[in-house]
């Protein structure tokens, strides 16, 4: 029997309420840049949602709603008190679940699952037009959602080693959010001009920025790569408008089509932000490339020829030469040599990978 919950959210309402118009919890500023539509008081309950996004039976919607009710309480308390949870506590784990779920239940992530299968199929045909790909089944929308959400616990485990701090906005320009507010970045691998994936959840140098309100962003980061503010302080104050603009720019580049904000953000500001971002590539666009992998069966002749025998599927990433006052690479990190591996993993994710073999 179809559920009566037709309007299904991929961005929880409890999250969007933090950006509501004059904190009324019912309306929110939106800018859809594909339609060039700006509205300062849009109904909040219809934002970040799609009709029967999780299916018509309502089972997945109900399951996610139960998790949301728990997350809502904890995220509200974190924003209200501006107190971050202690590492490895239950609240810390819930915070990590919020990160993983907000990313994986998003339409961008779901389409990424579908597009990755499609990209592999197209690449196979490009390599061999006569290849038999009839049995290469692309997942349905519901299957793609299930596949995406199946990695929640894996992501939580992989990012459990990251440190985290508040970035407190002390300027008159407010933080904005988007329809995919979980922004992954990697200043270290960008500096190293690493050609492959930079923002995998297990990568060394990973940074995650999530705006929680117009005044507060939470940043997760690899503490063996970066120094964020003073070691004793759990908050880094941002007093330069340019730093706020840079973080807001990441929200645009990471998004699908819609930006969210409170009453302080004008149409002029948003359009100017988008215009200034045009020199950078949008993130989360599926890409596929051919590479070469050496196995025990690889002959010496094949090693010399370096014949492409590996299809790498990934997504474009946010790369803006980001620099924020108070966020610096640790001394000596710039000289660190990268391995020959396709993924430059931190110690914890590397350990998890070895244990799962």
Protein backbone atom coordinates (compact mmCIF):
# COMPACT_ATOMS: atom_id res chain seq x y z
CA UNK A 1 0.00 0.00 0.00
CA UNK A 2 1.46 3.39 -1.02
CA UNK A 3 2.52 5.73 1.76
CA UNK A 4 0.75 9.04 2.29
CA UNK A 5 4.18 10.65 2.78
CA UNK A 6 4.50 11.83 -0.80
CA UNK A 7 6.93 14.70 -0.11
CA UNK A 8 10.12 12.87 0.94
CA UNK A 9 13.14 14.82 2.16
CA UNK A 10 16.74 14.14 1.22
CA UNK A 11 17.71 17.16 3.35
CA UNK A 12 16.08 16.95 6.79
CA UNK A 13 13.82 19.81 7.81
CA UNK A 14 15.58 20.09 11.18
CA UNK A 15 18.74 21.03 9.30
CA UNK A 16 17.11 23.60 7.01
CA UNK A 17 15.36 25.28 9.94
CA UNK A 18 18.73 26.64 11.06
CA UNK A 19 18.74 28.82 7.91
CA UNK A 20 15.10 29.88 8.11
CA UNK A 21 13.84 33.41 7.51
CA UNK A 22 14.26 35.37 10.77
CA UNK A 23 14.51 31.98 12.48
CA UNK A 24 10.75 31.40 12.03
CA UNK A 25 11.38 27.69 11.18
CA UNK A 26 8.76 27.84 8.40
CA UNK A 27 10.31 29.84 5.55
CA UNK A 28 13.74 29.92 3.96
CA UNK A 29 15.62 31.85 1.29
CA UNK A 30 16.34 29.88 -1.89
CA UNK A 31 18.15 30.45 -5.15
CA UNK A 32 17.77 27.89 -7.94
CA UNK A 33 20.59 28.84 -10.29
CA UNK A 34 19.41 26.65 -13.15
CA UNK A 35 16.16 28.57 -13.26
CA UNK A 36 17.74 31.78 -11.91
CA UNK A 37 14.96 31.89 -9.36
CA UNK A 38 15.45 33.82 -6.08
CA UNK A 39 12.83 33.83 -3.34
CA UNK A 40 13.52 35.01 0.18
CA UNK A 41 10.53 33.39 1.90
CA UNK A 42 9.95 29.98 0.31
CA UNK A 43 7.99 27.32 2.27
CA UNK A 44 10.63 25.36 4.13
CA UNK A 45 8.65 22.10 4.23
CA UNK A 46 8.90 21.67 0.45
CA UNK A 47 12.65 22.27 0.17
CA UNK A 48 15.28 19.55 -0.13
CA UNK A 49 12.65 17.00 -1.10
CA UNK A 50 11.26 15.09 -4.06
CA UNK A 51 8.02 13.24 -4.70
CA UNK A 52 8.35 9.61 -3.54
CA UNK A 53 12.14 9.95 -3.63
CA UNK A 54 12.56 6.81 -1.48
CA UNK A 55 9.71 4.87 -3.09
CA UNK A 56 5.96 4.63 -2.69
CA UNK A 57 5.86 1.98 0.03
CA UNK A 58 7.27 4.42 2.59
CA UNK A 59 9.51 1.88 4.33
CA UNK A 60 12.80 3.65 3.71
CA UNK A 61 11.23 7.04 4.39
CA UNK A 62 9.98 5.79 7.78
CA UNK A 63 13.36 4.28 8.66
CA UNK A 64 15.19 7.50 7.83
CA UNK A 65 12.61 9.53 9.78
CA UNK A 66 13.38 7.51 12.91
CA UNK A 67 17.09 8.21 12.55
CA UNK A 68 16.36 11.90 11.86
CA UNK A 69 14.44 12.29 15.10
CA UNK A 70 17.55 11.21 17.03
CA UNK A 71 19.94 13.31 14.95
CA UNK A 72 17.68 16.38 15.16
CA UNK A 73 17.94 16.50 18.95
CA UNK A 74 21.72 16.20 18.98
CA UNK A 75 22.42 18.63 16.12
CA UNK A 76 20.05 21.17 17.69
CA UNK A 77 21.92 20.89 21.00
CA UNK A 78 25.31 21.25 19.29
CA UNK A 79 24.23 24.42 17.48
CA UNK A 80 22.45 25.87 20.52
CA UNK A 81 25.23 25.28 23.04
CA UNK A 82 28.13 25.47 20.56
CA UNK A 83 29.65 22.52 22.37
CA UNK A 84 31.18 19.78 20.27
CA UNK A 85 30.93 16.17 21.48
CA UNK A 86 33.91 14.38 22.96
CA UNK A 87 35.70 12.06 20.57
CA UNK A 88 34.48 8.42 20.49
CA UNK A 89 31.31 9.13 22.46
CA UNK A 90 27.82 8.14 21.29
CA UNK A 91 27.08 11.75 20.32
CA UNK A 92 30.29 11.89 18.28
CA UNK A 93 29.19 8.77 16.38
CA UNK A 94 25.78 10.33 15.76
CA UNK A 95 27.48 13.41 14.37
CA UNK A 96 29.46 11.22 11.97
CA UNK A 97 26.24 9.45 10.95
CA UNK A 98 24.75 12.85 10.16
CA UNK A 99 27.71 13.54 7.85
CA UNK A 100 27.45 10.19 6.07
CA UNK A 101 23.66 10.16 5.75
CA UNK A 102 23.41 13.76 4.56
CA UNK A 103 25.81 12.90 1.77
CA UNK A 104 24.64 9.41 0.80
CA UNK A 105 20.88 10.05 0.71
CA UNK A 106 21.35 13.04 -1.59
CA UNK A 107 20.15 12.95 -5.25
CA UNK A 108 23.72 13.71 -6.35
CA UNK A 109 25.02 10.62 -4.57
CA UNK A 110 22.17 8.46 -5.91
CA UNK A 111 22.72 9.64 -9.48
CA UNK A 112 26.44 9.05 -8.95
CA UNK A 113 25.76 5.37 -8.28
CA UNK A 114 23.72 5.12 -11.49
CA UNK A 115 26.14 7.15 -13.59
CA UNK A 116 29.19 5.17 -12.44
CA UNK A 117 27.70 1.95 -13.83
CA UNK A 118 26.76 3.74 -17.03
CA UNK A 119 30.26 5.23 -17.35
CA UNK A 120 31.91 1.81 -17.00
CA UNK A 121 29.61 0.38 -19.69
CA UNK A 122 30.41 3.24 -22.06
CA UNK A 123 34.13 2.91 -21.40
CA UNK A 124 34.04 -0.83 -22.12
CA UNK A 125 32.32 -0.18 -25.45
CA UNK A 126 34.85 2.53 -26.24
CA UNK A 127 37.65 0.03 -25.68
CA UNK A 128 35.86 -2.71 -27.60
CA UNK A 129 32.75 -1.84 -29.65
CA UNK A 130 31.98 -5.57 -29.92
CA UNK A 131 32.08 -6.20 -26.17
CA UNK A 132 29.04 -7.97 -24.76
CA UNK A 133 27.47 -5.59 -22.28
CA UNK A 134 23.85 -6.75 -22.46
CA UNK A 135 24.18 -8.33 -19.02
CA UNK A 136 25.64 -5.15 -17.55
CA UNK A 137 22.55 -4.14 -15.61
CA UNK A 138 22.25 -0.57 -14.39
CA UNK A 139 20.54 -0.21 -10.99
CA UNK A 140 17.04 1.15 -10.59
CA UNK A 141 16.50 4.31 -8.54
CA UNK A 142 15.52 2.29 -5.46
CA UNK A 143 18.50 -0.05 -5.88
CA UNK A 144 20.85 2.92 -6.24
CA UNK A 145 19.55 4.37 -2.97
CA UNK A 146 20.05 1.05 -1.19
CA UNK A 147 23.58 0.73 -2.61
CA UNK A 148 24.45 4.27 -1.55
CA UNK A 149 23.09 3.96 1.99
CA UNK A 150 24.77 0.58 2.46
CA UNK A 151 28.09 2.40 2.92
CA UNK A 152 27.02 4.58 5.88
CA UNK A 153 28.81 2.51 8.52
CA UNK A 154 31.91 2.25 6.33
CA UNK A 155 32.13 6.04 6.03
CA UNK A 156 31.53 6.53 9.75
CA UNK A 157 34.40 4.16 10.51
CA UNK A 158 36.68 5.87 7.97
CA UNK A 159 36.17 9.38 9.32
CA UNK A 160 36.15 8.48 13.02
CA UNK A 161 39.82 9.51 13.26
CA UNK A 162 39.25 13.05 11.99
CA UNK A 163 39.45 15.97 14.38
CA UNK A 164 36.69 18.61 14.27
CA UNK A 165 36.17 22.24 15.15
CA UNK A 166 33.67 25.04 14.71
CA UNK A 167 34.35 27.81 12.23
CA UNK A 168 32.52 30.78 13.75
CA UNK A 169 31.45 33.51 11.36
CA UNK A 170 32.13 36.92 12.93
CA UNK A 171 31.39 38.94 9.78
CA UNK A 172 28.22 40.53 8.41
CA UNK A 173 28.22 38.08 5.47
CA UNK A 174 26.41 34.90 6.49
CA UNK A 175 27.15 31.27 5.71
CA UNK A 176 24.85 29.77 3.11
CA UNK A 177 23.95 26.11 2.59
CA UNK A 178 22.91 24.05 -0.43
CA UNK A 179 21.09 20.92 -1.54
CA UNK A 180 24.35 19.02 -0.83
CA UNK A 181 25.93 20.82 2.14
CA UNK A 182 28.60 18.18 2.89
CA UNK A 183 31.63 19.62 1.08
CA UNK A 184 34.79 17.52 0.89
CA UNK A 185 38.09 19.22 0.14
CA UNK A 186 41.81 18.43 0.31
CA UNK A 187 44.25 21.33 0.37
CA UNK A 188 47.19 18.94 0.86
CA UNK A 189 46.62 16.73 -2.20
CA UNK A 190 45.68 19.80 -4.22
CA UNK A 191 49.03 21.34 -3.28
CA UNK A 192 50.73 18.07 -4.25
CA UNK A 193 48.96 18.21 -7.64
CA UNK A 194 47.67 14.68 -7.09
CA UNK A 195 46.03 13.52 -10.33
CA UNK A 196 43.60 11.01 -8.84
CA UNK A 197 40.83 11.19 -6.26
CA UNK A 198 41.58 13.73 -3.53
CA UNK A 199 38.47 13.72 -1.39
CA UNK A 200 37.74 10.08 -0.64
CA UNK A 201 36.69 9.65 2.97
CA UNK A 202 39.88 7.71 3.73
CA UNK A 203 42.37 10.08 2.10
CA UNK A 204 45.13 11.82 4.02
CA UNK A 205 44.59 15.56 4.06
CA UNK A 206 40.81 15.25 3.90
CA UNK A 207 38.69 18.22 5.03
CA UNK A 208 34.89 18.28 5.37
CA UNK A 209 32.95 21.54 5.70
CA UNK A 210 29.26 21.56 6.71
CA UNK A 211 27.45 24.82 7.52
CA UNK A 212 25.15 24.27 10.51
CA UNK A 213 23.75 27.80 10.64
CA UNK A 214 24.46 31.24 9.11
CA UNK A 215 27.04 31.77 11.89
CA UNK A 216 28.47 28.30 12.31
CA UNK A 217 30.24 25.74 10.13
CA UNK A 218 31.69 22.49 11.42
CA UNK A 219 34.98 21.38 9.93
CA UNK A 220 36.36 17.84 10.10
CA UNK A 221 40.02 17.50 9.22
CA UNK A 222 43.09 15.29 9.22
CA UNK A 223 44.96 16.56 12.28
CA UNK A 224 48.20 14.99 11.05
CA UNK A 225 48.08 17.32 8.06
CA UNK A 226 46.52 20.57 9.28
CA UNK A 227 46.56 22.97 12.20
CA UNK A 228 43.20 24.70 12.67
CA UNK A 229 43.32 27.67 15.00
CA UNK A 230 44.70 27.25 18.50
CA UNK A 231 45.12 23.67 19.70
CA UNK A 232 43.29 24.32 22.98
CA UNK A 233 40.29 25.94 21.30
CA UNK A 234 37.45 24.07 19.61
CA UNK A 235 36.42 27.17 17.65
CA UNK A 236 38.23 29.14 14.96
CA UNK A 237 36.82 32.64 14.54
CA UNK A 238 36.63 33.92 10.95
CA UNK A 239 36.82 37.71 10.77
CA UNK A 240 37.55 38.14 7.07
CA UNK A 241 34.58 38.35 4.68
CA UNK A 242 36.72 36.79 1.94
CA UNK A 243 36.99 33.58 3.97
CA UNK A 244 33.19 33.40 4.25
CA UNK A 245 32.90 33.97 0.50
CA UNK A 246 35.34 31.12 -0.17
CA UNK A 247 33.37 28.69 1.98
CA UNK A 248 30.09 29.82 0.43
CA UNK A 249 31.65 29.33 -2.98
CA UNK A 250 32.27 25.68 -2.09
CA UNK A 251 28.57 25.28 -1.31
CA UNK A 252 27.70 26.45 -4.82
CA UNK A 253 30.32 24.28 -6.54
CA UNK A 254 29.22 21.21 -4.57
CA UNK A 255 25.49 21.67 -5.08
CA UNK A 256 22.97 20.24 -7.53
CA UNK A 257 20.92 23.35 -8.27
CA UNK A 258 19.71 25.13 -5.12
CA UNK A 259 21.28 27.32 -2.43
CA UNK A 260 19.65 28.03 0.96
CA UNK A 261 20.08 31.04 3.25
CA UNK A 262 18.43 33.32 5.79
CA UNK A 263 17.10 36.86 5.37
CA UNK A 264 20.55 38.49 5.32
CA UNK A 265 21.66 37.04 1.98
CA UNK A 266 20.65 39.06 -1.06
CA UNK A 267 20.10 38.05 -4.66
CA UNK A 268 23.01 40.30 -5.65
CA UNK A 269 25.35 38.46 -3.29
CA UNK A 270 24.34 35.02 -4.59
CA UNK A 271 24.60 35.97 -8.26
CA UNK A 272 27.96 37.65 -7.69
CA UNK A 273 29.19 34.55 -5.83
CA UNK A 274 28.15 32.29 -8.71
CA UNK A 275 29.70 34.58 -11.29
CA UNK A 276 33.03 34.61 -9.40
CA UNK A 277 32.91 30.80 -9.23
CA UNK A 278 32.66 30.33 -13.00
CA UNK A 279 36.42 29.78 -13.32
CA UNK A 280 36.14 26.53 -11.32
CA UNK A 281 34.64 23.17 -12.27
CA UNK A 282 31.47 22.01 -10.57
CA UNK A 283 31.97 19.04 -8.26
CA UNK A 284 30.21 15.66 -8.32
CA UNK A 285 30.23 15.16 -12.10
CA UNK A 286 30.87 11.49 -12.91
CA UNK A 287 34.07 10.79 -14.80
CA UNK A 288 35.82 7.65 -16.07
CA UNK A 289 39.41 7.14 -17.13
CA UNK A 290 41.70 4.32 -18.19
CA UNK A 291 44.77 3.45 -16.18
CA UNK A 292 47.27 0.64 -15.75
CA UNK A 293 47.52 -1.81 -12.88
CA UNK A 294 50.25 -4.34 -12.22
CA UNK A 295 49.28 -7.77 -10.87
CA UNK A 296 51.25 -10.98 -10.28
CA UNK A 297 50.00 -12.15 -13.66
CA UNK A 298 51.28 -9.06 -15.51
CA UNK A 299 54.07 -9.99 -17.91
CA UNK A 300 57.29 -7.99 -18.26
CA UNK A 301 56.24 -7.03 -21.77
CA UNK A 302 52.93 -5.68 -20.47
CA UNK A 303 54.77 -3.73 -17.77
CA UNK A 304 56.92 -2.08 -20.41
CA UNK A 305 53.96 -1.29 -22.65
CA UNK A 306 51.84 -0.05 -19.72
CA UNK A 307 48.76 -1.14 -21.58
CA UNK A 308 45.65 0.37 -20.02
CA UNK A 309 43.80 -2.39 -18.22
CA UNK A 310 41.93 -0.58 -15.45
CA UNK A 311 38.81 1.59 -15.56
CA UNK A 312 38.74 4.21 -12.81
CA UNK A 313 35.35 5.78 -12.14
CA UNK A 314 35.14 8.87 -9.97
CA UNK A 315 33.65 12.33 -9.65
CA UNK A 316 34.94 15.82 -10.18
CA UNK A 317 35.92 17.51 -6.92
CA UNK A 318 36.01 20.98 -5.40
CA UNK A 319 39.37 22.55 -6.23
CA UNK A 320 39.65 26.32 -5.77
CA UNK A 321 43.15 26.76 -4.33
CA UNK A 322 41.41 27.27 -1.01
CA UNK A 323 43.10 29.34 1.67
CA UNK A 324 41.40 30.25 4.95
CA UNK A 325 42.96 32.33 7.73
CA UNK A 326 43.81 30.02 10.63
CA UNK A 327 43.85 26.78 8.59
CA UNK A 328 47.40 25.79 7.78
CA UNK A 329 49.33 22.70 6.76
CA UNK A 330 51.66 21.44 9.48
CA UNK A 331 55.35 22.14 9.08
CA UNK A 332 57.04 19.45 7.01
CA UNK A 333 53.80 18.13 5.49
CA UNK A 334 54.47 19.85 2.18
CA UNK A 335 57.63 17.74 1.85
CA UNK A 336 55.81 14.47 2.51
CA UNK A 337 56.28 11.94 -0.29
CA UNK A 338 53.20 10.26 -1.72
CA UNK A 339 53.04 6.52 -2.28
CA UNK A 340 52.48 4.75 -5.62
CA UNK A 341 49.01 3.72 -4.50
CA UNK A 342 45.92 5.06 -6.28
CA UNK A 343 44.57 6.22 -2.90
CA UNK A 344 46.68 8.14 -0.37
CA UNK A 345 45.07 6.73 2.76
CA UNK A 346 45.35 7.84 6.37
CA UNK A 347 46.47 5.28 8.96
CA UNK A 348 42.97 4.46 10.31
CA UNK A 349 41.31 3.83 6.91
CA UNK A 350 44.37 1.86 5.79
CA UNK A 351 44.07 -0.34 8.87
CA UNK A 352 40.35 -0.86 8.22
CA UNK A 353 41.07 -1.84 4.63
CA UNK A 354 43.66 -4.41 5.70
CA UNK A 355 41.34 -5.91 8.33
CA UNK A 356 38.53 -6.28 5.79
CA UNK A 357 40.60 -8.24 3.29
